[in-house]
C-alpha atoms as a PDB file:
ATOM      1  CA  MET A   1       0.000   0.000   0.000  1.00  0.00           C
ATOM      2  CA  SER A   2       1.486   3.341  -1.028  1.00  0.00           C
ATOM      3  CA  ARG A   3       1.605   6.399   1.171  1.00  0.00           C
ATOM      4  CA  GLU A   4       0.737   9.782  -0.321  1.00  0.00           C
ATOM      5  CA  ILE A   5       2.345  13.052   0.730  1.00  0.00           C
ATOM      6  CA  VAL A   6       0.219  16.095  -0.096  1.00  0.00           C
ATOM      7  CA  LEU A   7       2.122  19.191  -1.196  1.00  0.00           C
ATOM      8  CA  ASP A   8      -0.153  22.217  -1.606  1.00  0.00           C
ATOM      9  CA  VAL A   9       1.752  25.003  -3.358  1.00  0.00           C
ATOM     10  CA  ARG A  10      -1.206  27.171  -4.352  1.00  0.00           C
ATOM     11  CA  GLY A  11      -0.522  30.834  -3.714  1.00  0.00           C
ATOM     12  CA  LEU A  12       3.272  30.501  -3.684  1.00  0.00           C
ATOM     13  CA  GLU A  13       5.329  32.638  -6.037  1.00  0.00           C
ATOM     14  CA  PRO A  14       7.722  31.038  -8.529  1.00  0.00           C
ATOM     15  CA  PRO A  15      10.164  29.382  -8.186  1.00  0.00           C
ATOM     16  CA  GLU A  16       9.043  28.199  -4.744  1.00  0.00           C
ATOM     17  CA  PRO A  17       6.487  25.607  -5.976  1.00  0.00           C
ATOM     18  CA  LEU A  18       9.110  23.998  -8.222  1.00  0.00           C
ATOM     19  CA  GLU A  19      11.731  24.012  -5.458  1.00  0.00           C
ATOM     20  CA  ARG A  20       9.339  22.514  -2.924  1.00  0.00           C
ATOM     21  CA  ALA A  21       8.293  19.788  -5.351  1.00  0.00           C
ATOM     22  CA  LEU A  22      11.898  18.821  -6.095  1.00  0.00           C
ATOM     23  CA  ASP A  23      12.717  18.753  -2.369  1.00  0.00           C
ATOM     24  CA  ALA A  24       9.659  16.608  -1.633  1.00  0.00           C
ATOM     25  CA  VAL A  25      10.351  14.026  -4.316  1.00  0.00           C
ATOM     26  CA  ALA A  26      14.032  13.806  -3.381  1.00  0.00           C
ATOM     27  CA  ALA A  27      12.970  12.749   0.124  1.00  0.00           C
ATOM     28  CA  LEU A  28      10.533  10.028  -1.023  1.00  0.00           C
ATOM     29  CA  GLN A  29      10.927   6.641   0.619  1.00  0.00           C
ATOM     30  CA  PRO A  30       9.968   3.367  -1.078  1.00  0.00           C
ATOM     31  CA  GLY A  31       6.194   3.118  -1.464  1.00  0.00           C
ATOM     32  CA  GLU A  32       5.639   6.883  -1.193  1.00  0.00           C
ATOM     33  CA  ARG A  33       4.412   9.353  -3.788  1.00  0.00           C
ATOM     34  CA  VAL A  34       3.663  13.093  -3.808  1.00  0.00           C
ATOM     35  CA  ARG A  35       0.312  14.658  -4.679  1.00  0.00           C
ATOM     36  CA  MET A  36       1.132  18.233  -5.642  1.00  0.00           C
ATOM     37  CA  ILE A  37      -1.754  20.701  -5.678  1.00  0.00           C
ATOM     38  CA  HIS A  38      -1.053  23.774  -7.780  1.00  0.00           C
ATOM     39  CA  SER A  39      -3.057  26.684  -9.168  1.00  0.00           C
ATOM     40  CA  ARG A  40      -1.544  26.127 -12.634  1.00  0.00           C
ATOM     41  CA  GLU A  41       0.124  23.331 -14.551  1.00  0.00           C
ATOM     42  CA  PRO A  42       3.850  23.225 -13.638  1.00  0.00           C
ATOM     43  CA  CYS A  43       5.199  22.491 -17.134  1.00  0.00           C
ATOM     44  CA  LEU A  44       8.786  23.394 -16.200  1.00  0.00           C
ATOM     45  CA  LEU A  45       8.743  20.717 -13.498  1.00  0.00           C
ATOM     46  CA  TYR A  46       8.056  17.760 -15.797  1.00  0.00           C
ATOM     47  CA  PRO A  47      11.428  17.537 -17.608  1.00  0.00           C
ATOM     48  CA  LEU A  48      13.237  17.944 -14.290  1.00  0.00           C
ATOM     49  CA  LEU A  49      11.286  15.041 -12.815  1.00  0.00           C
ATOM     50  CA  GLU A  50      12.028  12.862 -15.842  1.00  0.00           C
ATOM     51  CA  LYS A  51      15.738  13.668 -15.634  1.00  0.00           C
ATOM     52  CA  ARG A  52      15.773  12.654 -11.945  1.00  0.00           C
ATOM     53  CA  GLY A  53      14.033   9.317 -12.468  1.00  0.00           C
ATOM     54  CA  PHE A  54      10.437  10.192 -11.580  1.00  0.00           C
ATOM     55  CA  GLN A  55       7.143   9.734 -13.361  1.00  0.00           C
ATOM     56  CA  HIS A  56       4.080  11.901 -13.015  1.00  0.00           C
ATOM     57  CA  ARG A  57       0.414  12.044 -13.894  1.00  0.00           C
ATOM     58  CA  ALA A  58      -1.262  15.444 -14.120  1.00  0.00           C
ATOM     59  CA  GLU A  59      -4.958  16.213 -13.965  1.00  0.00           C
ATOM     60  CA  ALA A  60      -6.700  19.574 -14.241  1.00  0.00           C
ATOM     61  CA  LYS A  61      -9.566  19.585 -11.754  1.00  0.00           C
ATOM     62  CA  ALA A  62     -10.472  23.177 -12.682  1.00  0.00           C
ATOM     63  CA  GLU A  63      -8.792  26.051 -14.494  1.00  0.00           C
ATOM     64  CA  ASP A  64      -6.979  27.041 -11.292  1.00  0.00           C
ATOM     65  CA  HIS A  65      -6.668  23.604  -9.634  1.00  0.00           C
ATOM     66  CA  HIS A  66      -4.154  21.077 -10.928  1.00  0.00           C
ATOM     67  CA  GLU A  67      -3.127  17.871  -9.187  1.00  0.00           C
ATOM     68  CA  ILE A  68       0.080  16.102 -10.093  1.00  0.00           C
ATOM     69  CA  LEU A  69       0.992  12.661  -8.764  1.00  0.00           C
ATOM     70  CA  ILE A  70       4.749  12.045  -8.668  1.00  0.00           C
ATOM     71  CA  TRP A  71       6.549   8.786  -7.890  1.00  0.00           C
ATOM     72  CA  ARG A  72       9.908   7.130  -8.497  1.00  0.00           C
ATOM     73  CA  ARG A  73       9.952   5.418 -11.889  1.00  0.00           C
ATOM     74  CA  ASP A  74      11.231   2.146 -10.397  1.00  0.00           C
ATOM     75  CA  ASP A  75       8.764   2.074  -7.464  1.00  0.00           C
ATOM     76  CA  ALA A  76       5.796  -0.029  -8.608  1.00  0.00           C
ATOM     77  CA  GLU A  77       4.280   0.110  -5.119  1.00  0.00           C
ATOM     78  CA  ALA A  78       4.002   3.913  -5.263  1.00  0.00           C
ATOM     79  CA  ALA A  79       2.696   4.095  -8.842  1.00  0.00           C
ATOM     80  CA  PRO A  80      -1.043   4.728  -9.226  1.00  0.00           C
ATOM     81  CA  LEU A  81      -2.997   1.666 -10.301  1.00  0.00           C
ATOM     82  CA  GLY A  82      -2.563   0.884 -13.973  1.00  0.00           C
ATOM     83  CA  LEU A  83       0.544   3.059 -14.369  1.00  0.00           C
ATOM     84  CA  THR A  84       3.387   0.673 -13.703  1.00  0.00           C
ATOM     85  CA  GLU A  85       5.971   0.077 -16.429  1.00  0.00           C
END
C-alpha cells in the first residue's frame, strides 16, 4: 500500500512551488508518492522530474486547480494503479 504526501503550493510565487516539489520528491521513501496541488500546470517541473528518475500524472480539476501525482519510476508500489511500467 502506497503512502501519499500532499504538497499544496497554491498561492506561492515562482520558483518556490518547483523548489518545494523537487525537495519533496528527493525525500521520497519506497512506497511513497507526492500529490502536488497547484493553481496552474507546472510544465517546467516535468522535464526535471524525468531527468531525476520520476514519473508523473497530471490532472486539471479546474482552471486554477491542478493535481500532479509524482513517484519514483522504479517504485511499482508507489505508482497509481494501472501506471506501472
